[in-house]
C-alpha atoms as a PDB file:
ATOM      1  CA  UNK A   1     255.462  84.229 -69.190  1.00  0.00           C
ATOM      2  CA  UNK A   2     257.895  85.625 -66.680  1.00  0.00           C
ATOM      3  CA  UNK A   3     261.261  83.987 -66.386  1.00  0.00           C
ATOM      4  CA  UNK A   4     262.969  83.173 -63.146  1.00  0.00           C
ATOM      5  CA  UNK A   5     266.112  85.183 -62.556  1.00  0.00           C
ATOM      6  CA  UNK A   6     269.037  84.837 -60.230  1.00  0.00           C
ATOM      7  CA  UNK A   7     272.180  86.583 -59.145  1.00  0.00           C
ATOM      8  CA  UNK A   8     275.561  84.926 -59.362  1.00  0.00           C
ATOM      9  CA  UNK A   9     277.564  84.572 -56.199  1.00  0.00           C
ATOM     10  CA  UNK A  10     281.183  85.706 -56.228  1.00  0.00           C
ATOM     11  CA  UNK A  11     282.404  82.260 -55.301  1.00  0.00           C
ATOM     12  CA  UNK A  12     280.342  80.064 -57.589  1.00  0.00           C
ATOM     13  CA  UNK A  13     277.834  81.188 -60.217  1.00  0.00           C
ATOM     14  CA  UNK A  14     274.614  79.153 -60.154  1.00  0.00           C
ATOM     15  CA  UNK A  15     274.328  76.263 -62.562  1.00  0.00           C
ATOM     16  CA  UNK A  16     272.667  77.640 -65.692  1.00  0.00           C
ATOM     17  CA  UNK A  17     269.565  75.852 -66.951  1.00  0.00           C
ATOM     18  CA  UNK A  18     268.228  76.864 -70.362  1.00  0.00           C
ATOM     19  CA  UNK A  19     264.974  75.590 -71.881  1.00  0.00           C
ATOM     20  CA  UNK A  20     264.533  75.655 -75.653  1.00  0.00           C
ATOM     21  CA  UNK A  21     260.909  76.491 -76.422  1.00  0.00           C
ATOM     22  CA  UNK A  22     259.978  75.848 -80.047  1.00  0.00           C
ATOM     23  CA  UNK A  23     256.628  76.079 -81.817  1.00  0.00           C
ATOM     24  CA  UNK A  24     253.851  73.904 -80.368  1.00  0.00           C
ATOM     25  CA  UNK A  25     255.733  73.046 -77.201  1.00  0.00           C
ATOM     26  CA  UNK A  26     253.488  71.776 -74.411  1.00  0.00           C
ATOM     27  CA  UNK A  27     252.903  74.353 -71.642  1.00  0.00           C
ATOM     28  CA  UNK A  28     252.793  71.602 -69.009  1.00  0.00           C
ATOM     29  CA  UNK A  29     256.363  70.402 -69.527  1.00  0.00           C
ATOM     30  CA  UNK A  30     257.508  74.020 -69.759  1.00  0.00           C
ATOM     31  CA  UNK A  31     255.766  74.634 -66.446  1.00  0.00           C
ATOM     32  CA  UNK A  32     257.487  71.605 -64.907  1.00  0.00           C
ATOM     33  CA  UNK A  33     260.890  72.971 -65.887  1.00  0.00           C
ATOM     34  CA  UNK A  34     260.014  76.401 -64.523  1.00  0.00           C
ATOM     35  CA  UNK A  35     258.666  75.060 -61.219  1.00  0.00           C
ATOM     36  CA  UNK A  36     261.696  72.870 -60.540  1.00  0.00           C
ATOM     37  CA  UNK A  37     264.534  74.994 -61.904  1.00  0.00           C
ATOM     38  CA  UNK A  38     263.209  78.531 -62.349  1.00  0.00           C
ATOM     39  CA  UNK A  39     261.774  79.597 -59.009  1.00  0.00           C
ATOM     40  CA  UNK A  40     263.619  81.398 -56.254  1.00  0.00           C
ATOM     41  CA  UNK A  41     264.062  79.327 -53.104  1.00  0.00           C
ATOM     42  CA  UNK A  42     263.911  81.721 -50.141  1.00  0.00           C
ATOM     43  CA  UNK A  43     263.145  78.794 -47.860  1.00  0.00           C
ATOM     44  CA  UNK A  44     266.590  77.399 -48.684  1.00  0.00           C
ATOM     45  CA  UNK A  45     268.378  80.717 -48.384  1.00  0.00           C
ATOM     46  CA  UNK A  46     270.158  80.340 -51.704  1.00  0.00           C
ATOM     47  CA  UNK A  47     269.707  80.287 -55.454  1.00  0.00           C
ATOM     48  CA  UNK A  48     269.843  76.838 -57.002  1.00  0.00           C
ATOM     49  CA  UNK A  49     269.826  77.613 -60.716  1.00  0.00           C
ATOM     50  CA  UNK A  50     270.154  80.468 -63.168  1.00  0.00           C
ATOM     51  CA  UNK A  51     267.093  79.808 -65.340  1.00  0.00           C
ATOM     52  CA  UNK A  52     266.451  81.047 -68.878  1.00  0.00           C
ATOM     53  CA  UNK A  53     263.874  80.382 -71.576  1.00  0.00           C
ATOM     54  CA  UNK A  54     265.014  80.730 -75.169  1.00  0.00           C
ATOM     55  CA  UNK A  55     263.362  80.401 -78.538  1.00  0.00           C
ATOM     56  CA  UNK A  56     264.433  80.472 -82.189  1.00  0.00           C
ATOM     57  CA  UNK A  57     261.856  83.178 -82.943  1.00  0.00           C
ATOM     58  CA  UNK A  58     260.522  86.418 -81.396  1.00  0.00           C
ATOM     59  CA  UNK A  59     257.068  84.953 -80.727  1.00  0.00           C
ATOM     60  CA  UNK A  60     256.513  81.245 -80.130  1.00  0.00           C
ATOM     61  CA  UNK A  61     252.971  79.829 -80.387  1.00  0.00           C
ATOM     62  CA  UNK A  62     252.427  77.122 -77.799  1.00  0.00           C
ATOM     63  CA  UNK A  63     250.530  73.876 -78.283  1.00  0.00           C
ATOM     64  CA  UNK A  64     247.064  74.220 -79.833  1.00  0.00           C
ATOM     65  CA  UNK A  65     247.447  77.994 -79.904  1.00  0.00           C
ATOM     66  CA  UNK A  66     246.704  78.433 -76.199  1.00  0.00           C
ATOM     67  CA  UNK A  67     249.052  81.413 -76.066  1.00  0.00           C
ATOM     68  CA  UNK A  68     252.175  82.866 -77.637  1.00  0.00           C
ATOM     69  CA  UNK A  69     255.383  83.028 -75.653  1.00  0.00           C
ATOM     70  CA  UNK A  70     257.182  86.350 -76.004  1.00  0.00           C
ATOM     71  CA  UNK A  71     259.950  88.245 -74.280  1.00  0.00           C
ATOM     72  CA  UNK A  72     262.340  85.316 -73.972  1.00  0.00           C
ATOM     73  CA  UNK A  73     265.996  85.059 -74.941  1.00  0.00           C
ATOM     74  CA  UNK A  74     267.213  84.154 -78.396  1.00  0.00           C
ATOM     75  CA  UNK A  75     268.515  80.717 -79.273  1.00  0.00           C
ATOM     76  CA  UNK A  76     272.102  81.803 -78.659  1.00  0.00           C
ATOM     77  CA  UNK A  77     271.340  81.579 -74.911  1.00  0.00           C
ATOM     78  CA  UNK A  78     271.606  77.810 -75.298  1.00  0.00           C
ATOM     79  CA  UNK A  79     275.320  78.191 -75.990  1.00  0.00           C
ATOM     80  CA  UNK A  80     276.019  79.055 -72.349  1.00  0.00           C
ATOM     81  CA  UNK A  81     273.775  76.419 -70.754  1.00  0.00           C
ATOM     82  CA  UNK A  82     275.159  73.976 -68.223  1.00  0.00           C
ATOM     83  CA  UNK A  83     271.917  72.035 -68.608  1.00  0.00           C
ATOM     84  CA  UNK A  84     269.821  72.299 -71.769  1.00  0.00           C
ATOM     85  CA  UNK A  85     266.197  71.140 -71.578  1.00  0.00           C
ATOM     86  CA  UNK A  86     264.070  70.262 -74.597  1.00  0.00           C
ATOM     87  CA  UNK A  87     260.373  69.971 -73.629  1.00  0.00           C
ATOM     88  CA  UNK A  88     257.487  68.142 -75.268  1.00  0.00           C
ATOM     89  CA  UNK A  89     256.682  68.458 -78.982  1.00  0.00           C
ATOM     90  CA  UNK A  90     253.351  66.898 -80.032  1.00  0.00           C
ATOM     91  CA  UNK A  91     254.174  67.072 -83.739  1.00  0.00           C
ATOM     92  CA  UNK A  92     256.853  64.371 -83.634  1.00  0.00           C
ATOM     93  CA  UNK A  93     256.551  63.725 -87.378  1.00  0.00           C
ATOM     94  CA  UNK A  94     257.585  67.302 -88.184  1.00  0.00           C
ATOM     95  CA  UNK A  95     261.379  67.731 -88.019  1.00  0.00           C
ATOM     96  CA  UNK A  96     262.702  70.393 -85.688  1.00  0.00           C
ATOM     97  CA  UNK A  97     264.269  73.518 -87.111  1.00  0.00           C
ATOM     98  CA  UNK A  98     267.934  73.032 -88.057  1.00  0.00           C
ATOM     99  CA  UNK A  99     268.871  75.901 -85.731  1.00  0.00           C
ATOM    100  CA  UNK A 100     267.380  74.025 -82.761  1.00  0.00           C
ATOM    101  CA  UNK A 101     269.164  70.791 -83.662  1.00  0.00           C
ATOM    102  CA  UNK A 102     272.440  72.664 -84.095  1.00  0.00           C
ATOM    103  CA  UNK A 103     272.033  74.238 -80.654  1.00  0.00           C
ATOM    104  CA  UNK A 104     271.548  70.779 -79.140  1.00  0.00           C
ATOM    105  CA  UNK A 105     274.618  69.429 -80.935  1.00  0.00           C
ATOM    106  CA  UNK A 106     276.788  72.339 -79.813  1.00  0.00           C
ATOM    107  CA  UNK A 107     275.666  71.947 -76.220  1.00  0.00           C
ATOM    108  CA  UNK A 108     276.457  68.245 -76.291  1.00  0.00           C
ATOM    109  CA  UNK A 109     279.853  68.814 -77.909  1.00  0.00           C
ATOM    110  CA  UNK A 110     280.961  71.172 -75.155  1.00  0.00           C
ATOM    111  CA  UNK A 111     279.803  68.849 -72.377  1.00  0.00           C
ATOM    112  CA  UNK A 112     276.484  70.368 -71.309  1.00  0.00           C
ATOM    113  CA  UNK A 113     273.896  68.114 -69.698  1.00  0.00           C
ATOM    114  CA  UNK A 114     270.954  67.439 -72.029  1.00  0.00           C
ATOM    115  CA  UNK A 115     267.426  66.760 -70.791  1.00  0.00           C
ATOM    116  CA  UNK A 116     264.457  65.679 -72.892  1.00  0.00           C
ATOM    117  CA  UNK A 117     260.932  65.829 -71.484  1.00  0.00           C
ATOM    118  CA  UNK A 118     258.419  63.464 -73.077  1.00  0.00           C
ATOM    119  CA  UNK A 119     258.666  63.684 -76.887  1.00  0.00           C
ATOM    120  CA  UNK A 120     261.595  66.056 -76.486  1.00  0.00           C
ATOM    121  CA  UNK A 121     263.549  62.815 -76.832  1.00  0.00           C
ATOM    122  CA  UNK A 122     262.679  62.960 -80.543  1.00  0.00           C
ATOM    123  CA  UNK A 123     264.534  66.269 -80.809  1.00  0.00           C
ATOM    124  CA  UNK A 124     267.605  64.836 -79.079  1.00  0.00           C
ATOM    125  CA  UNK A 125     267.480  61.802 -81.357  1.00  0.00           C
ATOM    126  CA  UNK A 126     267.112  63.961 -84.483  1.00  0.00           C
ATOM    127  CA  UNK A 127     270.216  65.840 -83.399  1.00  0.00           C
ATOM    128  CA  UNK A 128     272.069  62.514 -83.319  1.00  0.00           C
ATOM    129  CA  UNK A 129     273.154  62.768 -79.688  1.00  0.00           C
ATOM    130  CA  UNK A 130     271.186  59.692 -78.582  1.00  0.00           C
ATOM    131  CA  UNK A 131     272.807  57.190 -80.947  1.00  0.00           C
ATOM    132  CA  UNK A 132     274.027  54.255 -78.878  1.00  0.00           C
ATOM    133  CA  UNK A 133     272.567  55.787 -75.725  1.00  0.00           C
ATOM    134  CA  UNK A 134     269.744  54.788 -73.376  1.00  0.00           C
ATOM    135  CA  UNK A 135     266.575  56.877 -73.421  1.00  0.00           C
ATOM    136  CA  UNK A 136     262.845  56.797 -72.832  1.00  0.00           C
ATOM    137  CA  UNK A 137     259.832  58.538 -74.326  1.00  0.00           C
ATOM    138  CA  UNK A 138     256.075  58.495 -73.849  1.00  0.00           C
ATOM    139  CA  UNK A 139     254.721  54.983 -74.362  1.00  0.00           C
ATOM    140  CA  UNK A 140     252.322  56.191 -77.076  1.00  0.00           C
ATOM    141  CA  UNK A 141     255.265  57.038 -79.326  1.00  0.00           C
ATOM    142  CA  UNK A 142     257.482  54.051 -78.549  1.00  0.00           C
ATOM    143  CA  UNK A 143     256.902  52.224 -81.843  1.00  0.00           C
ATOM    144  CA  UNK A 144     257.388  55.371 -83.899  1.00  0.00           C
ATOM    145  CA  UNK A 145     260.548  56.244 -81.995  1.00  0.00           C
ATOM    146  CA  UNK A 146     262.070  52.781 -82.489  1.00  0.00           C
ATOM    147  CA  UNK A 147     261.283  52.839 -86.194  1.00  0.00           C
ATOM    148  CA  UNK A 148     262.861  56.249 -86.746  1.00  0.00           C
ATOM    149  CA  UNK A 149     265.818  55.918 -84.387  1.00  0.00           C
ATOM    150  CA  UNK A 150     266.945  52.274 -84.263  1.00  0.00           C
ATOM    151  CA  UNK A 151     270.382  53.272 -82.943  1.00  0.00           C
ATOM    152  CA  UNK A 152     268.858  54.490 -79.668  1.00  0.00           C
ATOM    153  CA  UNK A 153     268.404  52.011 -76.808  1.00  0.00           C
ATOM    154  CA  UNK A 154     264.793  52.888 -76.012  1.00  0.00           C
ATOM    155  CA  UNK A 155     263.336  51.880 -72.634  1.00  0.00           C
ATOM    156  CA  UNK A 156     259.630  52.619 -73.157  1.00  0.00           C
ATOM    157  CA  UNK A 157     258.232  51.298 -69.877  1.00  0.00           C
ATOM    158  CA  UNK A 158     260.067  53.504 -67.367  1.00  0.00           C
ATOM    159  CA  UNK A 159     259.440  56.979 -65.961  1.00  0.00           C
ATOM    160  CA  UNK A 160     262.859  58.370 -66.788  1.00  0.00           C
ATOM    161  CA  UNK A 161     266.346  57.329 -67.832  1.00  0.00           C
ATOM    162  CA  UNK A 162     269.556  58.814 -66.457  1.00  0.00           C
ATOM    163  CA  UNK A 163     272.330  58.048 -68.932  1.00  0.00           C
ATOM    164  CA  UNK A 164     274.904  60.362 -67.432  1.00  0.00           C
ATOM    165  CA  UNK A 165     275.026  63.573 -69.417  1.00  0.00           C
ATOM    166  CA  UNK A 166     271.748  62.835 -71.235  1.00  0.00           C
ATOM    167  CA  UNK A 167     268.518  62.320 -69.304  1.00  0.00           C
ATOM    168  CA  UNK A 168     265.039  61.706 -70.681  1.00  0.00           C
ATOM    169  CA  UNK A 169     261.583  61.597 -69.060  1.00  0.00           C
ATOM    170  CA  UNK A 170     258.643  59.597 -70.340  1.00  0.00           C
ATOM    171  CA  UNK A 171     256.194  62.466 -70.362  1.00  0.00           C
ATOM    172  CA  UNK A 172     253.915  64.848 -68.514  1.00  0.00           C
ATOM    173  CA  UNK A 173     254.254  64.260 -64.749  1.00  0.00           C
ATOM    174  CA  UNK A 174     257.419  62.199 -65.259  1.00  0.00           C
ATOM    175  CA  UNK A 175     259.104  65.513 -66.099  1.00  0.00           C
ATOM    176  CA  UNK A 176     258.688  66.427 -62.429  1.00  0.00           C
ATOM    177  CA  UNK A 177     260.176  63.089 -61.375  1.00  0.00           C
ATOM    178  CA  UNK A 178     263.206  63.672 -63.565  1.00  0.00           C
ATOM    179  CA  UNK A 179     263.527  67.295 -62.480  1.00  0.00           C
ATOM    180  CA  UNK A 180     263.601  66.296 -58.811  1.00  0.00           C
ATOM    181  CA  UNK A 181     266.086  63.547 -59.641  1.00  0.00           C
ATOM    182  CA  UNK A 182     268.382  66.171 -61.171  1.00  0.00           C
ATOM    183  CA  UNK A 183     268.016  68.453 -58.135  1.00  0.00           C
ATOM    184  CA  UNK A 184     268.839  65.465 -55.919  1.00  0.00           C
ATOM    185  CA  UNK A 185     271.986  64.781 -57.940  1.00  0.00           C
ATOM    186  CA  UNK A 186     273.052  68.424 -57.913  1.00  0.00           C
ATOM    187  CA  UNK A 187     272.230  69.410 -54.331  1.00  0.00           C
ATOM    188  CA  UNK A 188     271.374  66.289 -52.352  1.00  0.00           C
ATOM    189  CA  UNK A 189     268.278  64.678 -50.893  1.00  0.00           C
ATOM    190  CA  UNK A 190     267.431  67.388 -48.383  1.00  0.00           C
ATOM    191  CA  UNK A 191     267.165  70.099 -51.041  1.00  0.00           C
ATOM    192  CA  UNK A 192     265.231  67.802 -53.390  1.00  0.00           C
ATOM    193  CA  UNK A 193     262.793  66.998 -50.587  1.00  0.00           C
ATOM    194  CA  UNK A 194     262.286  70.714 -49.952  1.00  0.00           C
ATOM    195  CA  UNK A 195     261.551  71.356 -53.631  1.00  0.00           C
ATOM    196  CA  UNK A 196     259.142  68.409 -53.813  1.00  0.00           C
ATOM    197  CA  UNK A 197     257.357  69.598 -50.694  1.00  0.00           C
ATOM    198  CA  UNK A 198     256.749  73.002 -52.269  1.00  0.00           C
ATOM    199  CA  UNK A 199     255.402  71.215 -55.342  1.00  0.00           C
ATOM    200  CA  UNK A 200     253.223  68.943 -53.168  1.00  0.00           C
ATOM    201  CA  UNK A 201     254.686  66.091 -55.183  1.00  0.00           C
ATOM    202  CA  UNK A 202     256.215  62.748 -54.248  1.00  0.00           C
ATOM    203  CA  UNK A 203     259.809  63.314 -53.183  1.00  0.00           C
ATOM    204  CA  UNK A 204     261.058  60.147 -54.816  1.00  0.00           C
ATOM    205  CA  UNK A 205     259.682  57.855 -57.496  1.00  0.00           C
ATOM    206  CA  UNK A 206     262.178  55.429 -58.916  1.00  0.00           C
ATOM    207  CA  UNK A 207     262.995  56.043 -62.575  1.00  0.00           C
ATOM    208  CA  UNK A 208     262.503  52.372 -63.371  1.00  0.00           C
ATOM    209  CA  UNK A 209     258.865  52.442 -62.290  1.00  0.00           C
ATOM    210  CA  UNK A 210     256.459  51.669 -65.116  1.00  0.00           C
ATOM    211  CA  UNK A 211     254.669  54.519 -66.886  1.00  0.00           C
ATOM    212  CA  UNK A 212     251.220  53.012 -66.408  1.00  0.00           C
ATOM    213  CA  UNK A 213     249.487  49.923 -65.036  1.00  0.00           C
ATOM    214  CA  UNK A 214     247.920  47.776 -67.728  1.00  0.00           C
ATOM    215  CA  UNK A 215     244.953  46.565 -65.678  1.00  0.00           C
ATOM    216  CA  UNK A 216     243.177  47.974 -62.623  1.00  0.00           C
ATOM    217  CA  UNK A 217     243.959  46.934 -59.085  1.00  0.00           C
ATOM    218  CA  UNK A 218     241.672  43.973 -58.303  1.00  0.00           C
ATOM    219  CA  UNK A 219     238.856  44.436 -55.829  1.00  0.00           C
ATOM    220  CA  UNK A 220     238.919  40.784 -54.708  1.00  0.00           C
ATOM    221  CA  UNK A 221     240.176  40.956 -51.150  1.00  0.00           C
ATOM    222  CA  UNK A 222     242.476  37.935 -51.286  1.00  0.00           C
ATOM    223  CA  UNK A 223     244.306  39.327 -54.330  1.00  0.00           C
ATOM    224  CA  UNK A 224     244.505  42.991 -53.371  1.00  0.00           C
ATOM    225  CA  UNK A 225     247.887  44.133 -52.117  1.00  0.00           C
ATOM    226  CA  UNK A 226     246.438  46.966 -50.018  1.00  0.00           C
ATOM    227  CA  UNK A 227     246.501  45.149 -46.637  1.00  0.00           C
ATOM    228  CA  UNK A 228     250.026  43.880 -47.284  1.00  0.00           C
ATOM    229  CA  UNK A 229     251.282  47.332 -48.262  1.00  0.00           C
ATOM    230  CA  UNK A 230     249.780  48.859 -45.129  1.00  0.00           C
ATOM    231  CA  UNK A 231     251.424  46.164 -42.998  1.00  0.00           C
ATOM    232  CA  UNK A 232     254.812  46.726 -44.647  1.00  0.00           C
ATOM    233  CA  UNK A 233     254.654  50.525 -44.344  1.00  0.00           C
ATOM    234  CA  UNK A 234     254.290  50.172 -40.580  1.00  0.00           C
ATOM    235  CA  UNK A 235     257.505  48.117 -40.474  1.00  0.00           C
ATOM    236  CA  UNK A 236     259.863  49.861 -42.890  1.00  0.00           C
ATOM    237  CA  UNK A 237     262.476  50.261 -40.160  1.00  0.00           C
ATOM    238  CA  UNK A 238     262.462  46.515 -39.562  1.00  0.00           C
ATOM    239  CA  UNK A 239     264.309  43.918 -41.694  1.00  0.00           C
ATOM    240  CA  UNK A 240     261.248  43.142 -43.826  1.00  0.00           C
ATOM    241  CA  UNK A 241     262.276  41.173 -46.916  1.00  0.00           C
ATOM    242  CA  UNK A 242     260.480  40.043 -50.060  1.00  0.00           C
ATOM    243  CA  UNK A 243     260.325  36.551 -48.574  1.00  0.00           C
ATOM    244  CA  UNK A 244     258.669  37.992 -45.471  1.00  0.00           C
ATOM    245  CA  UNK A 245     256.161  39.875 -47.631  1.00  0.00           C
ATOM    246  CA  UNK A 246     255.297  36.682 -49.511  1.00  0.00           C
ATOM    247  CA  UNK A 247     254.883  34.763 -46.264  1.00  0.00           C
ATOM    248  CA  UNK A 248     252.637  37.487 -44.870  1.00  0.00           C
ATOM    249  CA  UNK A 249     250.499  37.340 -48.032  1.00  0.00           C
ATOM    250  CA  UNK A 250     250.434  33.534 -47.929  1.00  0.00           C
ATOM    251  CA  UNK A 251     251.816  33.164 -51.450  1.00  0.00           C
ATOM    252  CA  UNK A 252     255.099  32.227 -53.072  1.00  0.00           C
ATOM    253  CA  UNK A 253     257.656  34.957 -53.898  1.00  0.00           C
ATOM    254  CA  UNK A 254     256.990  34.324 -57.606  1.00  0.00           C
ATOM    255  CA  UNK A 255     253.246  34.866 -57.173  1.00  0.00           C
ATOM    256  CA  UNK A 256     253.883  37.997 -55.137  1.00  0.00           C
ATOM    257  CA  UNK A 257     256.181  39.301 -57.881  1.00  0.00           C
ATOM    258  CA  UNK A 258     253.436  38.801 -60.486  1.00  0.00           C
ATOM    259  CA  UNK A 259     250.856  40.601 -58.348  1.00  0.00           C
ATOM    260  CA  UNK A 260     253.161  43.559 -57.753  1.00  0.00           C
ATOM    261  CA  UNK A 261     253.873  43.804 -61.481  1.00  0.00           C
ATOM    262  CA  UNK A 262     250.187  43.647 -62.365  1.00  0.00           C
ATOM    263  CA  UNK A 263     248.870  45.972 -59.656  1.00  0.00           C
ATOM    264  CA  UNK A 264     251.722  48.421 -59.054  1.00  0.00           C
ATOM    265  CA  UNK A 265     253.888  48.143 -62.150  1.00  0.00           C
ATOM    266  CA  UNK A 266     256.994  47.377 -60.107  1.00  0.00           C
ATOM    267  CA  UNK A 267     258.670  44.579 -58.148  1.00  0.00           C
ATOM    268  CA  UNK A 268     258.334  43.891 -54.411  1.00  0.00           C
ATOM    269  CA  UNK A 269     261.986  44.796 -53.807  1.00  0.00           C
ATOM    270  CA  UNK A 270     261.760  48.028 -55.798  1.00  0.00           C
ATOM    271  CA  UNK A 271     258.573  48.983 -53.942  1.00  0.00           C
ATOM    272  CA  UNK A 272     260.158  48.316 -50.549  1.00  0.00           C
ATOM    273  CA  UNK A 273     263.222  50.335 -51.469  1.00  0.00           C
ATOM    274  CA  UNK A 274     261.132  53.210 -52.810  1.00  0.00           C
ATOM    275  CA  UNK A 275     259.018  53.320 -49.647  1.00  0.00           C
ATOM    276  CA  UNK A 276     262.133  53.362 -47.499  1.00  0.00           C
ATOM    277  CA  UNK A 277     263.696  56.155 -49.536  1.00  0.00           C
ATOM    278  CA  UNK A 278     260.444  58.145 -49.300  1.00  0.00           C
ATOM    279  CA  UNK A 279     260.426  57.657 -45.518  1.00  0.00           C
ATOM    280  CA  UNK A 280     264.047  58.811 -45.369  1.00  0.00           C
ATOM    281  CA  UNK A 281     263.115  61.965 -47.294  1.00  0.00           C
ATOM    282  CA  UNK A 282     260.279  62.676 -44.876  1.00  0.00           C
ATOM    283  CA  UNK A 283     262.610  62.275 -41.904  1.00  0.00           C
ATOM    284  CA  UNK A 284     265.093  64.673 -43.493  1.00  0.00           C
ATOM    285  CA  UNK A 285     262.273  67.157 -44.176  1.00  0.00           C
ATOM    286  CA  UNK A 286     261.309  67.044 -40.503  1.00  0.00           C
ATOM    287  CA  UNK A 287     264.773  68.125 -39.464  1.00  0.00           C
ATOM    288  CA  UNK A 288     266.627  64.891 -38.739  1.00  0.00           C
ATOM    289  CA  UNK A 289     270.201  65.761 -39.706  1.00  0.00           C
ATOM    290  CA  UNK A 290     272.076  62.570 -38.849  1.00  0.00           C
ATOM    291  CA  UNK A 291     272.031  60.318 -41.891  1.00  0.00           C
ATOM    292  CA  UNK A 292     272.922  57.239 -39.865  1.00  0.00           C
ATOM    293  CA  UNK A 293     269.770  57.763 -37.792  1.00  0.00           C
ATOM    294  CA  UNK A 294     267.673  58.318 -40.923  1.00  0.00           C
ATOM    295  CA  UNK A 295     269.123  55.188 -42.533  1.00  0.00           C
ATOM    296  CA  UNK A 296     268.350  53.080 -39.464  1.00  0.00           C
ATOM    297  CA  UNK A 297     264.805  54.361 -39.007  1.00  0.00           C
ATOM    298  CA  UNK A 298     263.955  53.924 -42.691  1.00  0.00           C
ATOM    299  CA  UNK A 299     265.379  50.418 -42.955  1.00  0.00           C
ATOM    300  CA  UNK A 300     268.183  51.378 -45.342  1.00  0.00           C
ATOM    301  CA  UNK A 301     270.894  50.238 -42.961  1.00  0.00           C
ATOM    302  CA  UNK A 302     273.841  52.589 -43.257  1.00  0.00           C
ATOM    303  CA  UNK A 303     274.380  56.233 -44.132  1.00  0.00           C
ATOM    304  CA  UNK A 304     276.470  55.121 -47.115  1.00  0.00           C
ATOM    305  CA  UNK A 305     273.608  53.010 -48.463  1.00  0.00           C
ATOM    306  CA  UNK A 306     271.179  55.883 -47.885  1.00  0.00           C
ATOM    307  CA  UNK A 307     273.395  58.292 -49.830  1.00  0.00           C
ATOM    308  CA  UNK A 308     273.714  55.795 -52.682  1.00  0.00           C
ATOM    309  CA  UNK A 309     269.934  55.324 -52.857  1.00  0.00           C
ATOM    310  CA  UNK A 310     269.245  59.054 -52.801  1.00  0.00           C
ATOM    311  CA  UNK A 311     271.669  59.664 -55.667  1.00  0.00           C
ATOM    312  CA  UNK A 312     269.872  57.221 -57.954  1.00  0.00           C
END
């Protein structure tokens, strides 16, 4: 697999992202990291990241023996990472190699940002860097994770957790959500929107959104939220509130909250905010440069509030 490469500028070398690829890593999460952090961005006219893959061995068999990864850097490349990513590992019951755990500990000790995709959170926890910290992991492994790492504050129902210098994604596609969140933090909403557009992926999904919906969206017309959502999307620039949504649906705010939780896995307020942020990203993509105009048209009020929402 070819690695992305970049050239440092004289003024400011690109932020260095290193991915540790160990045996049986999942190619999907590796691909997510490569797509977000490893590709050149000619459409932006600049290099965002210096991207490197590293491995503790000369040939690393990927999950289920699909292929063997060769020609990547040695594990010592992790020692110069500004951001160190640990992707998925399906064999969560098998401890990681001590060399990998040591690399994670060294990176954390010198202040590097650590990122765990899916069950990569197990590797971070084994290294001891998650003790007392917030994290998430794939819902299938939540019970196992809690049992093995009781000192970690696990949040199993969310897409990703940003705990400052340690960030974790629930799994699979949530790795893209977290990757775009990191780009947004590093370079702002406009760049993150550009990256998401190239990925043909949602520019913004809130990290607190649930990983999955426990029961299907009802087909009974009077319970389905579809007409209400369509009505609200046409009025995002207006002062539509949760109370207004409930009134439109002809139910109490409490009933509306329950329906949103059951059908969308989120709250009415979080959905409204997410839709407004997504609209703001689309306006920025289309070339609107004035944040106060974007904030007004998307219903987010002020440029300061828009910036705060985009940083989350």
